[in-house]
Amino acid sequence: DAPALAAYPKTVLARALLARGEAARALDLARAAVTLCDEVESGLEEVDALARLTYAEALLATGAASEAGDVARRGAERLRARAARIQDPTLRAQFLERVRENARLLELGARSAR
């Protein structure tokens, strides 16, 4: 499905632009990727957390800390809901803590909730 295929490269390119210091361009791409994730309920689970993390980080990089916090909190909620479907508690914890992007999204979400 086209939206599912488009969200991932937009996210990857946004991350690359962030790394190069091109936060405004990264923000546009990350926002587009998250919009695609929101429009398609299934098929985007693999990119959803990374897209939301990238969007939050791009917002932070452009000085929109409050909006970044909102994005991170919502992304963390979605991630925890996805993790709740993992029956094995060890695998669930690994999914949340050992997948670098997931752990970072949870960290940003928790930090903004304070």
C-alpha atoms as a PDB file:
ATOM      1  CA  ASP A   1       0.000   0.000   0.000  1.00  0.00           C
ATOM      2  CA  ALA A   2       1.442   3.344  -1.074  1.00  0.00           C
ATOM      3  CA  PRO A   3       1.147   5.287   2.206  1.00  0.00           C
ATOM      4  CA  ALA A   4       2.849   2.483   4.107  1.00  0.00           C
ATOM      5  CA  LEU A   5       5.664   2.514   1.601  1.00  0.00           C
ATOM      6  CA  ALA A   6       5.999   6.307   1.655  1.00  0.00           C
ATOM      7  CA  ALA A   7       6.144   6.848   5.437  1.00  0.00           C
ATOM      8  CA  TYR A   8       9.397   4.974   5.977  1.00  0.00           C
ATOM      9  CA  PRO A   9      11.608   6.777   3.423  1.00  0.00           C
ATOM     10  CA  LYS A  10      10.201  10.141   4.537  1.00  0.00           C
ATOM     11  CA  THR A  11      11.175   9.255   8.108  1.00  0.00           C
ATOM     12  CA  VAL A  12      14.653   8.070   7.154  1.00  0.00           C
ATOM     13  CA  LEU A  13      15.308  11.180   5.083  1.00  0.00           C
ATOM     14  CA  ALA A  14      14.026  13.386   7.910  1.00  0.00           C
ATOM     15  CA  ARG A  15      16.462  11.690  10.314  1.00  0.00           C
ATOM     16  CA  ALA A  16      19.324  12.271   7.889  1.00  0.00           C
ATOM     17  CA  LEU A  17      18.377  15.933   7.532  1.00  0.00           C
ATOM     18  CA  LEU A  18      18.232  16.308  11.316  1.00  0.00           C
ATOM     19  CA  ALA A  19      21.714  14.835  11.572  1.00  0.00           C
ATOM     20  CA  ARG A  20      22.911  17.430   9.035  1.00  0.00           C
ATOM     21  CA  GLY A  21      21.307  20.248  10.996  1.00  0.00           C
ATOM     22  CA  GLU A  22      18.524  20.863   8.496  1.00  0.00           C
ATOM     23  CA  ALA A  23      15.760  20.851  11.075  1.00  0.00           C
ATOM     24  CA  ALA A  24      13.141  22.800   9.084  1.00  0.00           C
ATOM     25  CA  ARG A  25      13.321  20.423   6.119  1.00  0.00           C
ATOM     26  CA  ALA A  26      13.355  17.450   8.494  1.00  0.00           C
ATOM     27  CA  LEU A  27      10.267  18.781  10.227  1.00  0.00           C
ATOM     28  CA  ASP A  28       8.274  18.917   6.995  1.00  0.00           C
ATOM     29  CA  LEU A  29       9.150  15.334   6.097  1.00  0.00           C
ATOM     30  CA  ALA A  30       8.584  13.987   9.602  1.00  0.00           C
ATOM     31  CA  ARG A  31       5.200  15.706   9.795  1.00  0.00           C
ATOM     32  CA  ALA A  32       4.244  14.139   6.448  1.00  0.00           C
ATOM     33  CA  ALA A  33       5.322  10.688   7.661  1.00  0.00           C
ATOM     34  CA  VAL A  34       3.244  10.998  10.834  1.00  0.00           C
ATOM     35  CA  THR A  35       0.269  12.189   8.794  1.00  0.00           C
ATOM     36  CA  LEU A  36       0.557   9.029   6.705  1.00  0.00           C
ATOM     37  CA  CYS A  37       0.745   6.922   9.866  1.00  0.00           C
ATOM     38  CA  ASP A  38      -2.399   8.620  11.172  1.00  0.00           C
ATOM     39  CA  GLU A  39      -4.270   8.072   7.913  1.00  0.00           C
ATOM     40  CA  VAL A  40      -3.502   4.361   7.651  1.00  0.00           C
ATOM     41  CA  GLU A  41      -4.529   2.339  10.684  1.00  0.00           C
ATOM     42  CA  SER A  42      -2.734  -0.866   9.734  1.00  0.00           C
ATOM     43  CA  GLY A  43       0.478  -1.667   7.965  1.00  0.00           C
ATOM     44  CA  LEU A  44       2.538   1.160   9.446  1.00  0.00           C
ATOM     45  CA  GLU A  45       3.370  -0.244  12.877  1.00  0.00           C
ATOM     46  CA  GLU A  46       7.000  -0.768  11.944  1.00  0.00           C
ATOM     47  CA  VAL A  47       7.542   2.918  11.187  1.00  0.00           C
ATOM     48  CA  ASP A  48       5.021   4.577  13.514  1.00  0.00           C
ATOM     49  CA  ALA A  49       7.273   4.986  16.579  1.00  0.00           C
ATOM     50  CA  LEU A  50      10.282   6.058  14.515  1.00  0.00           C
ATOM     51  CA  ALA A  51       8.189   8.594  12.586  1.00  0.00           C
ATOM     52  CA  ARG A  52       6.789  10.072  15.800  1.00  0.00           C
ATOM     53  CA  LEU A  53      10.213  10.151  17.446  1.00  0.00           C
ATOM     54  CA  THR A  54      11.659  11.915  14.402  1.00  0.00           C
ATOM     55  CA  TYR A  55       8.790  14.396  14.383  1.00  0.00           C
ATOM     56  CA  ALA A  56       9.294  15.150  18.092  1.00  0.00           C
ATOM     57  CA  GLU A  57      13.047  15.561  17.639  1.00  0.00           C
ATOM     58  CA  ALA A  58      12.536  17.850  14.629  1.00  0.00           C
ATOM     59  CA  LEU A  59      10.116  19.949  16.644  1.00  0.00           C
ATOM     60  CA  LEU A  60      12.667  20.190  19.440  1.00  0.00           C
ATOM     61  CA  ALA A  61      15.351  21.182  16.947  1.00  0.00           C
ATOM     62  CA  THR A  62      13.155  23.982  15.614  1.00  0.00           C
ATOM     63  CA  GLY A  63      12.326  25.314  19.080  1.00  0.00           C
ATOM     64  CA  ALA A  64       8.795  23.935  19.397  1.00  0.00           C
ATOM     65  CA  ALA A  65       9.390  22.149  22.708  1.00  0.00           C
ATOM     66  CA  SER A  66       5.781  22.141  23.871  1.00  0.00           C
ATOM     67  CA  GLU A  67       4.493  20.617  20.636  1.00  0.00           C
ATOM     68  CA  ALA A  68       7.391  18.142  20.674  1.00  0.00           C
ATOM     69  CA  GLY A  69       6.302  17.035  24.142  1.00  0.00           C
ATOM     70  CA  ASP A  70       2.742  16.486  22.953  1.00  0.00           C
ATOM     71  CA  VAL A  71       3.935  14.449  19.970  1.00  0.00           C
ATOM     72  CA  ALA A  72       6.267  12.371  22.153  1.00  0.00           C
ATOM     73  CA  ARG A  73       3.567  11.682  24.752  1.00  0.00           C
ATOM     74  CA  ARG A  74       1.061  10.556  22.116  1.00  0.00           C
ATOM     75  CA  GLY A  75       3.730   8.466  20.408  1.00  0.00           C
ATOM     76  CA  ALA A  76       4.686   6.831  23.703  1.00  0.00           C
ATOM     77  CA  GLU A  77       1.030   6.005  24.383  1.00  0.00           C
ATOM     78  CA  ARG A  78       0.694   4.376  20.972  1.00  0.00           C
ATOM     79  CA  LEU A  79       3.924   2.471  21.511  1.00  0.00           C
ATOM     80  CA  ARG A  80       2.803   1.163  24.915  1.00  0.00           C
ATOM     81  CA  ALA A  81      -0.521   0.077  23.395  1.00  0.00           C
ATOM     82  CA  ARG A  82       1.351  -1.811  20.702  1.00  0.00           C
ATOM     83  CA  ALA A  83       3.639  -3.373  23.322  1.00  0.00           C
ATOM     84  CA  ALA A  84       0.640  -4.499  25.382  1.00  0.00           C
ATOM     85  CA  ARG A  85      -0.214  -6.940  22.589  1.00  0.00           C
ATOM     86  CA  ILE A  86       3.082  -8.774  23.174  1.00  0.00           C
ATOM     87  CA  GLN A  87       2.162 -11.648  25.468  1.00  0.00           C
ATOM     88  CA  ASP A  88       5.620 -12.519  26.777  1.00  0.00           C
ATOM     89  CA  PRO A  89       6.662  -9.979  29.449  1.00  0.00           C
ATOM     90  CA  THR A  90      10.364 -10.392  28.667  1.00  0.00           C
ATOM     91  CA  LEU A  91       9.852  -9.774  24.965  1.00  0.00           C
ATOM     92  CA  ARG A  92       7.568  -6.836  25.759  1.00  0.00           C
ATOM     93  CA  ALA A  93      10.229  -5.254  27.965  1.00  0.00           C
ATOM     94  CA  GLN A  94      12.895  -5.835  25.325  1.00  0.00           C
ATOM     95  CA  PHE A  95      10.675  -4.236  22.688  1.00  0.00           C
ATOM     96  CA  LEU A  96      10.281  -1.135  24.835  1.00  0.00           C
ATOM     97  CA  GLU A  97      13.766  -0.911  26.332  1.00  0.00           C
ATOM     98  CA  ARG A  98      16.189  -2.442  23.836  1.00  0.00           C
ATOM     99  CA  VAL A  99      14.854  -1.045  20.594  1.00  0.00           C
ATOM    100  CA  ARG A 100      16.727   2.253  20.639  1.00  0.00           C
ATOM    101  CA  GLU A 101      14.008   4.322  18.954  1.00  0.00           C
ATOM    102  CA  ASN A 102      11.311   2.944  21.228  1.00  0.00           C
ATOM    103  CA  ALA A 103      13.328   3.657  24.368  1.00  0.00           C
ATOM    104  CA  ARG A 104      14.064   7.203  23.174  1.00  0.00           C
ATOM    105  CA  LEU A 105      10.402   7.884  22.376  1.00  0.00           C
ATOM    106  CA  LEU A 106       9.382   6.663  25.841  1.00  0.00           C
ATOM    107  CA  GLU A 107      12.108   8.832  27.385  1.00  0.00           C
ATOM    108  CA  LEU A 108      10.937  11.956  25.559  1.00  0.00           C
ATOM    109  CA  GLY A 109       7.324  11.181  26.382  1.00  0.00           C
ATOM    110  CA  ALA A 110       8.112  10.739  30.089  1.00  0.00           C
ATOM    111  CA  ARG A 111      10.271  13.854  30.193  1.00  0.00           C
ATOM    112  CA  SER A 112       7.529  15.986  28.676  1.00  0.00           C
ATOM    113  CA  ALA A 113       4.929  14.616  31.102  1.00  0.00           C
ATOM    114  CA  ARG A 114       6.782  16.113  34.081  1.00  0.00           C
END
